[in-house]
């Protein structure tokens, strides 16, 4: 196997490095002084409905792999919906446009139940492999598709695989999106700076340690195998929530219907919700509602 030569970044000028760093940079923290009804902290649950797109994105034709994505539709989403309904929790679902096209009734039902449908690419593409024009066209086309199917224009985006090109923020700002949820510079919401200036897009940050896929995905062709039990994952999520509660901040969690939706894994979410409910009431909210609240609290435009 031929190993590609390293990119000679040591030859880059300081100006070039600064320009790269400033394309999408964390600005002012938008942690609010209080949450609605004086709740101690906010809890933002999210689900990335990748479904078939994870295999389709790379031109994959494995029926077996496609069936794993289909599990999210047949088993994962119904279990998640039942759990959220039982606890009167509204959540955010980040949906590739192709998933919405293949399963439109799923998206319409989620909207009817009060959940948020937000952008997650066209076919779970990798943003950093696209030129600016292609990335822009796919982002706009995805927004139009979700609006046509659900009747609601999406206000937020989570880029597929949290991939973020040097053009992503500029396009999101052009589209007038309220927020992004793909970056990891903080635990609370913050301003996103584009070339050193406030872009108007708020970041609601994610983290791999608050993502079910980081612990539970198996690569059948490689050496990656889940090596951690649901009980241990629950322990990590509890510790993350404990800290958010103590700090009066935000607890955000990313899950996938085809991963968390299995019998032994939906248990993690059920136990976590029960644990959170054992504390003084917290605010369960969609990502969009969290961002609207922090913008109101900080007096942002």
C-alpha atoms as a PDB file:
ATOM      1  CA  UNK A   1       0.000   0.000   0.000  1.00  0.00           C
ATOM      2  CA  UNK A   2       1.332   3.428  -0.959  1.00  0.00           C
ATOM      3  CA  UNK A   3       1.316   5.964   1.870  1.00  0.00           C
ATOM      4  CA  UNK A   4       0.401   9.470   0.746  1.00  0.00           C
ATOM      5  CA  UNK A   5       2.997  12.131   1.363  1.00  0.00           C
ATOM      6  CA  UNK A   6       2.147  14.414   4.280  1.00  0.00           C
ATOM      7  CA  UNK A   7       0.739  17.837   3.489  1.00  0.00           C
ATOM      8  CA  UNK A   8       3.613  20.291   4.156  1.00  0.00           C
ATOM      9  CA  UNK A   9       1.668  22.398   6.636  1.00  0.00           C
ATOM     10  CA  UNK A  10       4.952  23.588   8.122  1.00  0.00           C
ATOM     11  CA  UNK A  11       5.386  25.685   4.988  1.00  0.00           C
ATOM     12  CA  UNK A  12       2.072  27.498   5.423  1.00  0.00           C
ATOM     13  CA  UNK A  13       2.256  31.165   6.312  1.00  0.00           C
ATOM     14  CA  UNK A  14       0.883  32.452   9.580  1.00  0.00           C
ATOM     15  CA  UNK A  15      -1.758  34.334   7.597  1.00  0.00           C
ATOM     16  CA  UNK A  16      -2.943  31.147   5.892  1.00  0.00           C
ATOM     17  CA  UNK A  17      -3.178  29.357   9.226  1.00  0.00           C
ATOM     18  CA  UNK A  18      -5.135  32.228  10.767  1.00  0.00           C
ATOM     19  CA  UNK A  19      -7.540  32.320   7.835  1.00  0.00           C
ATOM     20  CA  UNK A  20      -8.236  28.615   8.263  1.00  0.00           C
ATOM     21  CA  UNK A  21      -8.794  28.955  12.003  1.00  0.00           C
ATOM     22  CA  UNK A  22     -11.180  31.886  11.575  1.00  0.00           C
ATOM     23  CA  UNK A  23     -13.518  30.226   9.063  1.00  0.00           C
ATOM     24  CA  UNK A  24     -15.711  28.957  11.891  1.00  0.00           C
ATOM     25  CA  UNK A  25     -14.565  29.845  15.381  1.00  0.00           C
ATOM     26  CA  UNK A  26     -16.177  29.831  18.804  1.00  0.00           C
ATOM     27  CA  UNK A  27     -17.198  33.271  19.974  1.00  0.00           C
ATOM     28  CA  UNK A  28     -19.064  34.505  23.024  1.00  0.00           C
ATOM     29  CA  UNK A  29     -20.615  31.916  25.325  1.00  0.00           C
ATOM     30  CA  UNK A  30     -24.407  32.051  25.291  1.00  0.00           C
ATOM     31  CA  UNK A  31     -24.996  30.125  28.483  1.00  0.00           C
ATOM     32  CA  UNK A  32     -28.197  31.717  29.842  1.00  0.00           C
ATOM     33  CA  UNK A  33     -28.581  33.098  33.346  1.00  0.00           C
ATOM     34  CA  UNK A  34     -31.705  30.959  33.780  1.00  0.00           C
ATOM     35  CA  UNK A  35     -33.866  28.385  32.055  1.00  0.00           C
ATOM     36  CA  UNK A  36     -37.665  28.568  31.569  1.00  0.00           C
ATOM     37  CA  UNK A  37     -39.711  28.338  34.769  1.00  0.00           C
ATOM     38  CA  UNK A  38     -36.474  28.505  36.770  1.00  0.00           C
ATOM     39  CA  UNK A  39     -35.527  24.965  35.822  1.00  0.00           C
ATOM     40  CA  UNK A  40     -32.037  23.959  36.874  1.00  0.00           C
ATOM     41  CA  UNK A  41     -30.710  22.880  33.451  1.00  0.00           C
ATOM     42  CA  UNK A  42     -31.775  22.048  29.907  1.00  0.00           C
ATOM     43  CA  UNK A  43     -31.800  18.576  28.339  1.00  0.00           C
ATOM     44  CA  UNK A  44     -31.675  18.375  24.531  1.00  0.00           C
ATOM     45  CA  UNK A  45     -32.125  14.847  23.188  1.00  0.00           C
ATOM     46  CA  UNK A  46     -31.425  14.266  19.504  1.00  0.00           C
ATOM     47  CA  UNK A  47     -31.601  11.413  17.020  1.00  0.00           C
ATOM     48  CA  UNK A  48     -29.785  11.224  13.684  1.00  0.00           C
ATOM     49  CA  UNK A  49     -32.134   9.328  11.350  1.00  0.00           C
ATOM     50  CA  UNK A  50     -29.437   8.158   8.933  1.00  0.00           C
ATOM     51  CA  UNK A  51     -31.361   4.990   8.031  1.00  0.00           C
ATOM     52  CA  UNK A  52     -30.296   3.734   4.563  1.00  0.00           C
ATOM     53  CA  UNK A  53     -28.057   6.691   3.735  1.00  0.00           C
ATOM     54  CA  UNK A  54     -25.010   5.468   5.624  1.00  0.00           C
ATOM     55  CA  UNK A  55     -24.640   2.676   3.055  1.00  0.00           C
ATOM     56  CA  UNK A  56     -26.021   4.588   0.062  1.00  0.00           C
ATOM     57  CA  UNK A  57     -23.660   7.545   0.543  1.00  0.00           C
ATOM     58  CA  UNK A  58     -20.598   5.635  -0.672  1.00  0.00           C
ATOM     59  CA  UNK A  59     -22.466   3.782  -3.405  1.00  0.00           C
ATOM     60  CA  UNK A  60     -22.784   0.710  -1.243  1.00  0.00           C
ATOM     61  CA  UNK A  61     -25.049  -2.050  -2.469  1.00  0.00           C
ATOM     62  CA  UNK A  62     -24.943  -4.378   0.532  1.00  0.00           C
ATOM     63  CA  UNK A  63     -28.481  -5.503   1.253  1.00  0.00           C
ATOM     64  CA  UNK A  64     -27.303  -6.577   4.696  1.00  0.00           C
ATOM     65  CA  UNK A  65     -25.996  -3.090   5.515  1.00  0.00           C
ATOM     66  CA  UNK A  66     -29.155  -1.496   4.120  1.00  0.00           C
ATOM     67  CA  UNK A  67     -31.220  -3.757   6.367  1.00  0.00           C
ATOM     68  CA  UNK A  68     -29.404  -2.355   9.407  1.00  0.00           C
ATOM     69  CA  UNK A  69     -30.547   1.099   8.397  1.00  0.00           C
ATOM     70  CA  UNK A  70     -34.066  -0.184   7.826  1.00  0.00           C
ATOM     71  CA  UNK A  71     -34.083  -1.470  11.405  1.00  0.00           C
ATOM     72  CA  UNK A  72     -34.034   2.145  12.525  1.00  0.00           C
ATOM     73  CA  UNK A  73     -37.292   2.738  10.667  1.00  0.00           C
ATOM     74  CA  UNK A  74     -39.092  -0.467  11.655  1.00  0.00           C
ATOM     75  CA  UNK A  75     -37.939  -0.827  15.276  1.00  0.00           C
ATOM     76  CA  UNK A  76     -35.839   2.115  16.408  1.00  0.00           C
ATOM     77  CA  UNK A  77     -38.147   5.042  15.643  1.00  0.00           C
ATOM     78  CA  UNK A  78     -41.289   3.361  17.073  1.00  0.00           C
ATOM     79  CA  UNK A  79     -39.502   2.545  20.327  1.00  0.00           C
ATOM     80  CA  UNK A  80     -38.081   6.055  20.577  1.00  0.00           C
ATOM     81  CA  UNK A  81     -41.452   7.650  19.843  1.00  0.00           C
ATOM     82  CA  UNK A  82     -43.178   5.518  22.475  1.00  0.00           C
ATOM     83  CA  UNK A  83     -40.592   6.415  25.102  1.00  0.00           C
ATOM     84  CA  UNK A  84     -40.680  10.132  24.346  1.00  0.00           C
ATOM     85  CA  UNK A  85     -44.486  10.184  24.283  1.00  0.00           C
ATOM     86  CA  UNK A  86     -44.706   8.356  27.594  1.00  0.00           C
ATOM     87  CA  UNK A  87     -42.504  10.996  29.225  1.00  0.00           C
ATOM     88  CA  UNK A  88     -43.946  13.977  27.297  1.00  0.00           C
ATOM     89  CA  UNK A  89     -40.500  14.834  25.902  1.00  0.00           C
ATOM     90  CA  UNK A  90     -39.960  16.760  22.674  1.00  0.00           C
ATOM     91  CA  UNK A  91     -36.728  15.947  20.826  1.00  0.00           C
ATOM     92  CA  UNK A  92     -34.852  16.870  17.646  1.00  0.00           C
ATOM     93  CA  UNK A  93     -34.472  14.502  14.698  1.00  0.00           C
ATOM     94  CA  UNK A  94     -31.714  15.283  12.197  1.00  0.00           C
ATOM     95  CA  UNK A  95     -32.775  13.742   8.915  1.00  0.00           C
ATOM     96  CA  UNK A  96     -30.902  13.340   5.615  1.00  0.00           C
ATOM     97  CA  UNK A  97     -33.189  14.393   2.773  1.00  0.00           C
ATOM     98  CA  UNK A  98     -32.997  10.910   1.240  1.00  0.00           C
ATOM     99  CA  UNK A  99     -34.273   9.417   4.526  1.00  0.00           C
ATOM    100  CA  UNK A 100     -37.187  11.857   4.438  1.00  0.00           C
ATOM    101  CA  UNK A 101     -37.964  10.975   0.811  1.00  0.00           C
ATOM    102  CA  UNK A 102     -37.903   7.239   1.548  1.00  0.00           C
ATOM    103  CA  UNK A 103     -39.883   7.512   4.800  1.00  0.00           C
ATOM    104  CA  UNK A 104     -42.046  10.652   4.573  1.00  0.00           C
ATOM    105  CA  UNK A 105     -44.768   9.430   6.953  1.00  0.00           C
ATOM    106  CA  UNK A 106     -42.168   8.990   9.688  1.00  0.00           C
ATOM    107  CA  UNK A 107     -41.168  12.650   9.451  1.00  0.00           C
ATOM    108  CA  UNK A 108     -44.760  13.893   9.301  1.00  0.00           C
ATOM    109  CA  UNK A 109     -45.688  11.872  12.369  1.00  0.00           C
ATOM    110  CA  UNK A 110     -42.741  13.229  14.333  1.00  0.00           C
ATOM    111  CA  UNK A 111     -43.746  16.791  13.446  1.00  0.00           C
ATOM    112  CA  UNK A 112     -47.340  16.085  14.480  1.00  0.00           C
ATOM    113  CA  UNK A 113     -46.085  14.823  17.846  1.00  0.00           C
ATOM    114  CA  UNK A 114     -44.240  18.083  18.473  1.00  0.00           C
ATOM    115  CA  UNK A 115     -40.700  17.045  17.616  1.00  0.00           C
ATOM    116  CA  UNK A 116     -38.234  18.990  15.484  1.00  0.00           C
ATOM    117  CA  UNK A 117     -37.012  17.864  12.052  1.00  0.00           C
ATOM    118  CA  UNK A 118     -33.655  19.432  11.159  1.00  0.00           C
ATOM    119  CA  UNK A 119     -31.077  19.191   8.378  1.00  0.00           C
ATOM    120  CA  UNK A 120     -28.579  16.344   8.180  1.00  0.00           C
ATOM    121  CA  UNK A 121     -27.341  16.517   4.609  1.00  0.00           C
ATOM    122  CA  UNK A 122     -28.756  15.121   1.382  1.00  0.00           C
ATOM    123  CA  UNK A 123     -27.428  11.547   1.492  1.00  0.00           C
ATOM    124  CA  UNK A 124     -25.144  11.790   4.545  1.00  0.00           C
ATOM    125  CA  UNK A 125     -22.400  13.178   2.309  1.00  0.00           C
ATOM    126  CA  UNK A 126     -18.992  14.251   3.619  1.00  0.00           C
ATOM    127  CA  UNK A 127     -18.954  18.050   3.419  1.00  0.00           C
ATOM    128  CA  UNK A 128     -15.177  18.382   3.302  1.00  0.00           C
ATOM    129  CA  UNK A 129     -15.018  16.373   0.077  1.00  0.00           C
ATOM    130  CA  UNK A 130     -17.333  18.805  -1.729  1.00  0.00           C
ATOM    131  CA  UNK A 131     -16.614  22.042  -3.521  1.00  0.00           C
ATOM    132  CA  UNK A 132     -18.476  25.121  -2.291  1.00  0.00           C
ATOM    133  CA  UNK A 133     -21.077  25.168  -5.071  1.00  0.00           C
ATOM    134  CA  UNK A 134     -22.014  21.513  -4.562  1.00  0.00           C
ATOM    135  CA  UNK A 135     -22.227  21.854  -0.791  1.00  0.00           C
ATOM    136  CA  UNK A 136     -24.462  24.924  -1.147  1.00  0.00           C
ATOM    137  CA  UNK A 137     -26.753  23.227  -3.664  1.00  0.00           C
ATOM    138  CA  UNK A 138     -27.184  20.150  -1.458  1.00  0.00           C
ATOM    139  CA  UNK A 139     -27.890  22.200   1.680  1.00  0.00           C
ATOM    140  CA  UNK A 140     -30.558  24.276  -0.046  1.00  0.00           C
ATOM    141  CA  UNK A 141     -32.063  21.254  -1.777  1.00  0.00           C
ATOM    142  CA  UNK A 142     -32.195  19.357   1.520  1.00  0.00           C
ATOM    143  CA  UNK A 143     -33.988  22.222   3.284  1.00  0.00           C
ATOM    144  CA  UNK A 144     -36.532  22.492   0.478  1.00  0.00           C
ATOM    145  CA  UNK A 145     -37.131  18.731   0.554  1.00  0.00           C
ATOM    146  CA  UNK A 146     -37.725  18.584   4.314  1.00  0.00           C
ATOM    147  CA  UNK A 147     -40.075  21.580   4.102  1.00  0.00           C
ATOM    148  CA  UNK A 148     -42.031  20.009   1.246  1.00  0.00           C
ATOM    149  CA  UNK A 149     -42.448  16.726   3.129  1.00  0.00           C
ATOM    150  CA  UNK A 150     -43.142  18.031   6.643  1.00  0.00           C
ATOM    151  CA  UNK A 151     -44.637  21.448   5.942  1.00  0.00           C
ATOM    152  CA  UNK A 152     -42.081  23.025   8.275  1.00  0.00           C
ATOM    153  CA  UNK A 153     -38.897  24.801   7.164  1.00  0.00           C
ATOM    154  CA  UNK A 154     -35.902  23.444   9.147  1.00  0.00           C
ATOM    155  CA  UNK A 155     -34.072  26.037  11.238  1.00  0.00           C
ATOM    156  CA  UNK A 156     -31.051  23.984  12.286  1.00  0.00           C
ATOM    157  CA  UNK A 157     -28.406  21.715  10.837  1.00  0.00           C
ATOM    158  CA  UNK A 158     -26.173  18.900  11.988  1.00  0.00           C
ATOM    159  CA  UNK A 159     -23.715  18.057   9.272  1.00  0.00           C
ATOM    160  CA  UNK A 160     -23.318  14.359   8.432  1.00  0.00           C
ATOM    161  CA  UNK A 161     -20.589  12.796  10.584  1.00  0.00           C
ATOM    162  CA  UNK A 162     -20.132  16.308  12.045  1.00  0.00           C
ATOM    163  CA  UNK A 163     -18.001  17.031   8.989  1.00  0.00           C
ATOM    164  CA  UNK A 164     -17.604  20.807   8.579  1.00  0.00           C
ATOM    165  CA  UNK A 165     -15.923  22.421   5.606  1.00  0.00           C
ATOM    166  CA  UNK A 166     -14.526  25.936   5.403  1.00  0.00           C
ATOM    167  CA  UNK A 167     -17.711  26.893   3.511  1.00  0.00           C
ATOM    168  CA  UNK A 168     -20.354  25.274   5.752  1.00  0.00           C
ATOM    169  CA  UNK A 169     -20.883  28.168   8.146  1.00  0.00           C
ATOM    170  CA  UNK A 170     -21.038  30.750   5.365  1.00  0.00           C
ATOM    171  CA  UNK A 171     -23.762  28.755   3.606  1.00  0.00           C
ATOM    172  CA  UNK A 172     -25.686  28.179   6.843  1.00  0.00           C
ATOM    173  CA  UNK A 173     -25.644  31.930   7.508  1.00  0.00           C
ATOM    174  CA  UNK A 174     -26.798  32.652   3.937  1.00  0.00           C
ATOM    175  CA  UNK A 175     -29.727  30.295   4.474  1.00  0.00           C
ATOM    176  CA  UNK A 176     -30.710  32.133   7.649  1.00  0.00           C
ATOM    177  CA  UNK A 177     -30.379  29.028   9.801  1.00  0.00           C
ATOM    178  CA  UNK A 178     -30.869  29.567  13.514  1.00  0.00           C
ATOM    179  CA  UNK A 179     -28.268  27.087  14.686  1.00  0.00           C
ATOM    180  CA  UNK A 180     -25.721  24.396  13.944  1.00  0.00           C
ATOM    181  CA  UNK A 181     -25.091  21.300  16.065  1.00  0.00           C
ATOM    182  CA  UNK A 182     -21.887  19.791  14.669  1.00  0.00           C
ATOM    183  CA  UNK A 183     -18.991  21.413  16.542  1.00  0.00           C
ATOM    184  CA  UNK A 184     -17.340  20.795  19.895  1.00  0.00           C
ATOM    185  CA  UNK A 185     -15.704  23.916  21.344  1.00  0.00           C
ATOM    186  CA  UNK A 186     -17.882  24.095  24.482  1.00  0.00           C
ATOM    187  CA  UNK A 187     -20.607  22.350  26.458  1.00  0.00           C
ATOM    188  CA  UNK A 188     -23.026  25.291  26.287  1.00  0.00           C
ATOM    189  CA  UNK A 189     -24.307  27.251  23.306  1.00  0.00           C
ATOM    190  CA  UNK A 190     -22.002  29.846  21.797  1.00  0.00           C
ATOM    191  CA  UNK A 191     -21.783  32.352  18.978  1.00  0.00           C
ATOM    192  CA  UNK A 192     -20.197  31.102  15.768  1.00  0.00           C
ATOM    193  CA  UNK A 193     -17.742  33.554  14.279  1.00  0.00           C
ATOM    194  CA  UNK A 194     -17.205  33.668  10.524  1.00  0.00           C
ATOM    195  CA  UNK A 195     -13.908  35.340   9.655  1.00  0.00           C
ATOM    196  CA  UNK A 196     -13.884  36.917  13.110  1.00  0.00           C
ATOM    197  CA  UNK A 197     -17.435  38.327  12.945  1.00  0.00           C
ATOM    198  CA  UNK A 198     -20.637  36.989  14.454  1.00  0.00           C
ATOM    199  CA  UNK A 199     -22.321  34.852  11.792  1.00  0.00           C
ATOM    200  CA  UNK A 200     -25.747  34.988  13.414  1.00  0.00           C
ATOM    201  CA  UNK A 201     -25.688  31.182  13.668  1.00  0.00           C
ATOM    202  CA  UNK A 202     -25.618  29.746  17.189  1.00  0.00           C
ATOM    203  CA  UNK A 203     -23.702  26.568  17.960  1.00  0.00           C
ATOM    204  CA  UNK A 204     -25.404  23.954  20.134  1.00  0.00           C
ATOM    205  CA  UNK A 205     -22.346  21.731  20.634  1.00  0.00           C
ATOM    206  CA  UNK A 206     -22.052  17.974  20.376  1.00  0.00           C
ATOM    207  CA  UNK A 207     -19.358  15.593  21.629  1.00  0.00           C
ATOM    208  CA  UNK A 208     -18.408  12.022  20.766  1.00  0.00           C
ATOM    209  CA  UNK A 209     -18.593  10.995  24.419  1.00  0.00           C
ATOM    210  CA  UNK A 210     -22.301  11.944  24.290  1.00  0.00           C
ATOM    211  CA  UNK A 211     -22.959   9.902  21.142  1.00  0.00           C
ATOM    212  CA  UNK A 212     -24.183   6.292  21.154  1.00  0.00           C
ATOM    213  CA  UNK A 213     -22.345   5.439  17.909  1.00  0.00           C
ATOM    214  CA  UNK A 214     -18.948   6.059  19.500  1.00  0.00           C
ATOM    215  CA  UNK A 215     -19.538   3.090  21.801  1.00  0.00           C
ATOM    216  CA  UNK A 216     -21.861   0.744  19.941  1.00  0.00           C
ATOM    217  CA  UNK A 217     -21.018   0.661  16.207  1.00  0.00           C
ATOM    218  CA  UNK A 218     -19.384  -2.459  14.793  1.00  0.00           C
ATOM    219  CA  UNK A 219     -17.272  -2.462  11.622  1.00  0.00           C
ATOM    220  CA  UNK A 220     -17.719  -5.904  10.102  1.00  0.00           C
ATOM    221  CA  UNK A 221     -14.769  -5.442   7.695  1.00  0.00           C
ATOM    222  CA  UNK A 222     -12.363  -3.955  10.220  1.00  0.00           C
ATOM    223  CA  UNK A 223     -11.298  -4.579  13.782  1.00  0.00           C
ATOM    224  CA  UNK A 224     -13.793  -2.233  15.423  1.00  0.00           C
ATOM    225  CA  UNK A 225     -16.041  -4.044  17.868  1.00  0.00           C
ATOM    226  CA  UNK A 226     -18.143  -2.614  20.720  1.00  0.00           C
ATOM    227  CA  UNK A 227     -16.190  -3.213  23.919  1.00  0.00           C
ATOM    228  CA  UNK A 228     -18.383  -1.409  26.428  1.00  0.00           C
ATOM    229  CA  UNK A 229     -21.614  -2.530  28.050  1.00  0.00           C
ATOM    230  CA  UNK A 230     -24.879  -0.553  28.055  1.00  0.00           C
ATOM    231  CA  UNK A 231     -24.473  -0.167  31.824  1.00  0.00           C
ATOM    232  CA  UNK A 232     -21.106   1.550  31.388  1.00  0.00           C
ATOM    233  CA  UNK A 233     -22.464   3.840  28.679  1.00  0.00           C
ATOM    234  CA  UNK A 234     -25.319   4.799  30.968  1.00  0.00           C
ATOM    235  CA  UNK A 235     -22.747   5.664  33.636  1.00  0.00           C
ATOM    236  CA  UNK A 236     -20.932   8.032  31.264  1.00  0.00           C
ATOM    237  CA  UNK A 237     -24.163   9.759  30.220  1.00  0.00           C
ATOM    238  CA  UNK A 238     -25.198  10.121  33.884  1.00  0.00           C
ATOM    239  CA  UNK A 239     -21.903  11.779  34.762  1.00  0.00           C
ATOM    240  CA  UNK A 240     -22.307  14.184  31.854  1.00  0.00           C
ATOM    241  CA  UNK A 241     -25.813  15.071  33.027  1.00  0.00           C
ATOM    242  CA  UNK A 242     -24.683  15.439  36.646  1.00  0.00           C
ATOM    243  CA  UNK A 243     -22.093  18.020  35.631  1.00  0.00           C
ATOM    244  CA  UNK A 244     -24.544  19.926  33.433  1.00  0.00           C
ATOM    245  CA  UNK A 245     -27.056  19.997  36.272  1.00  0.00           C
ATOM    246  CA  UNK A 246     -24.466  21.152  38.811  1.00  0.00           C
ATOM    247  CA  UNK A 247     -23.324  23.931  36.441  1.00  0.00           C
ATOM    248  CA  UNK A 248     -26.865  24.954  35.514  1.00  0.00           C
ATOM    249  CA  UNK A 249     -26.007  24.363  31.860  1.00  0.00           C
ATOM    250  CA  UNK A 250     -26.981  22.202  28.916  1.00  0.00           C
ATOM    251  CA  UNK A 251     -26.981  18.415  28.601  1.00  0.00           C
ATOM    252  CA  UNK A 252     -27.076  17.393  24.931  1.00  0.00           C
ATOM    253  CA  UNK A 253     -27.153  13.807  23.680  1.00  0.00           C
ATOM    254  CA  UNK A 254     -26.846  12.360  20.158  1.00  0.00           C
ATOM    255  CA  UNK A 255     -28.366   8.977  19.315  1.00  0.00           C
ATOM    256  CA  UNK A 256     -29.263   6.956  16.226  1.00  0.00           C
ATOM    257  CA  UNK A 257     -32.496   4.947  15.778  1.00  0.00           C
ATOM    258  CA  UNK A 258     -30.653   1.947  14.315  1.00  0.00           C
ATOM    259  CA  UNK A 259     -28.229   1.930  17.258  1.00  0.00           C
ATOM    260  CA  UNK A 260     -30.063   3.020  20.419  1.00  0.00           C
ATOM    261  CA  UNK A 261     -33.274   1.380  19.168  1.00  0.00           C
ATOM    262  CA  UNK A 262     -32.229  -2.182  20.000  1.00  0.00           C
ATOM    263  CA  UNK A 263     -33.849  -3.900  22.975  1.00  0.00           C
ATOM    264  CA  UNK A 264     -30.780  -3.892  25.200  1.00  0.00           C
ATOM    265  CA  UNK A 265     -29.892  -0.319  24.240  1.00  0.00           C
ATOM    266  CA  UNK A 266     -33.175   1.574  24.432  1.00  0.00           C
ATOM    267  CA  UNK A 267     -32.829   0.598  28.084  1.00  0.00           C
ATOM    268  CA  UNK A 268     -29.977   3.121  28.343  1.00  0.00           C
ATOM    269  CA  UNK A 269     -32.261   5.969  27.317  1.00  0.00           C
ATOM    270  CA  UNK A 270     -35.117   4.782  29.545  1.00  0.00           C
ATOM    271  CA  UNK A 271     -32.847   4.542  32.585  1.00  0.00           C
ATOM    272  CA  UNK A 272     -31.274   7.906  31.800  1.00  0.00           C
ATOM    273  CA  UNK A 273     -34.651   9.650  31.538  1.00  0.00           C
ATOM    274  CA  UNK A 274     -35.764   8.085  34.832  1.00  0.00           C
ATOM    275  CA  UNK A 275     -32.517   9.246  36.422  1.00  0.00           C
ATOM    276  CA  UNK A 276     -32.940  12.803  35.139  1.00  0.00           C
ATOM    277  CA  UNK A 277     -36.522  12.874  36.410  1.00  0.00           C
ATOM    278  CA  UNK A 278     -35.238  12.031  39.895  1.00  0.00           C
ATOM    279  CA  UNK A 279     -33.675  15.494  40.054  1.00  0.00           C
ATOM    280  CA  UNK A 280     -35.416  18.819  40.514  1.00  0.00           C
ATOM    281  CA  UNK A 281     -37.380  19.409  37.284  1.00  0.00           C
ATOM    282  CA  UNK A 282     -35.241  20.127  34.254  1.00  0.00           C
ATOM    283  CA  UNK A 283     -36.279  21.523  30.883  1.00  0.00           C
ATOM    284  CA  UNK A 284     -36.525  18.919  28.115  1.00  0.00           C
ATOM    285  CA  UNK A 285     -36.525  20.844  24.849  1.00  0.00           C
ATOM    286  CA  UNK A 286     -35.768  20.599  21.167  1.00  0.00           C
ATOM    287  CA  UNK A 287     -32.476  22.010  19.958  1.00  0.00           C
ATOM    288  CA  UNK A 288     -34.344  24.849  18.243  1.00  0.00           C
ATOM    289  CA  UNK A 289     -36.180  25.797  21.433  1.00  0.00           C
ATOM    290  CA  UNK A 290     -32.943  25.774  23.437  1.00  0.00           C
ATOM    291  CA  UNK A 291     -31.299  28.110  20.933  1.00  0.00           C
ATOM    292  CA  UNK A 292     -34.308  30.448  20.808  1.00  0.00           C
ATOM    293  CA  UNK A 293     -34.190  30.698  24.590  1.00  0.00           C
ATOM    294  CA  UNK A 294     -30.469  31.461  24.788  1.00  0.00           C
ATOM    295  CA  UNK A 295     -30.781  34.072  22.036  1.00  0.00           C
ATOM    296  CA  UNK A 296     -33.627  35.748  23.920  1.00  0.00           C
ATOM    297  CA  UNK A 297     -31.690  35.663  27.186  1.00  0.00           C
ATOM    298  CA  UNK A 298     -28.579  37.218  25.655  1.00  0.00           C
ATOM    299  CA  UNK A 299     -30.496  39.765  23.592  1.00  0.00           C
ATOM    300  CA  UNK A 300     -29.059  38.402  20.342  1.00  0.00           C
ATOM    301  CA  UNK A 301     -30.605  39.449  17.039  1.00  0.00           C
END
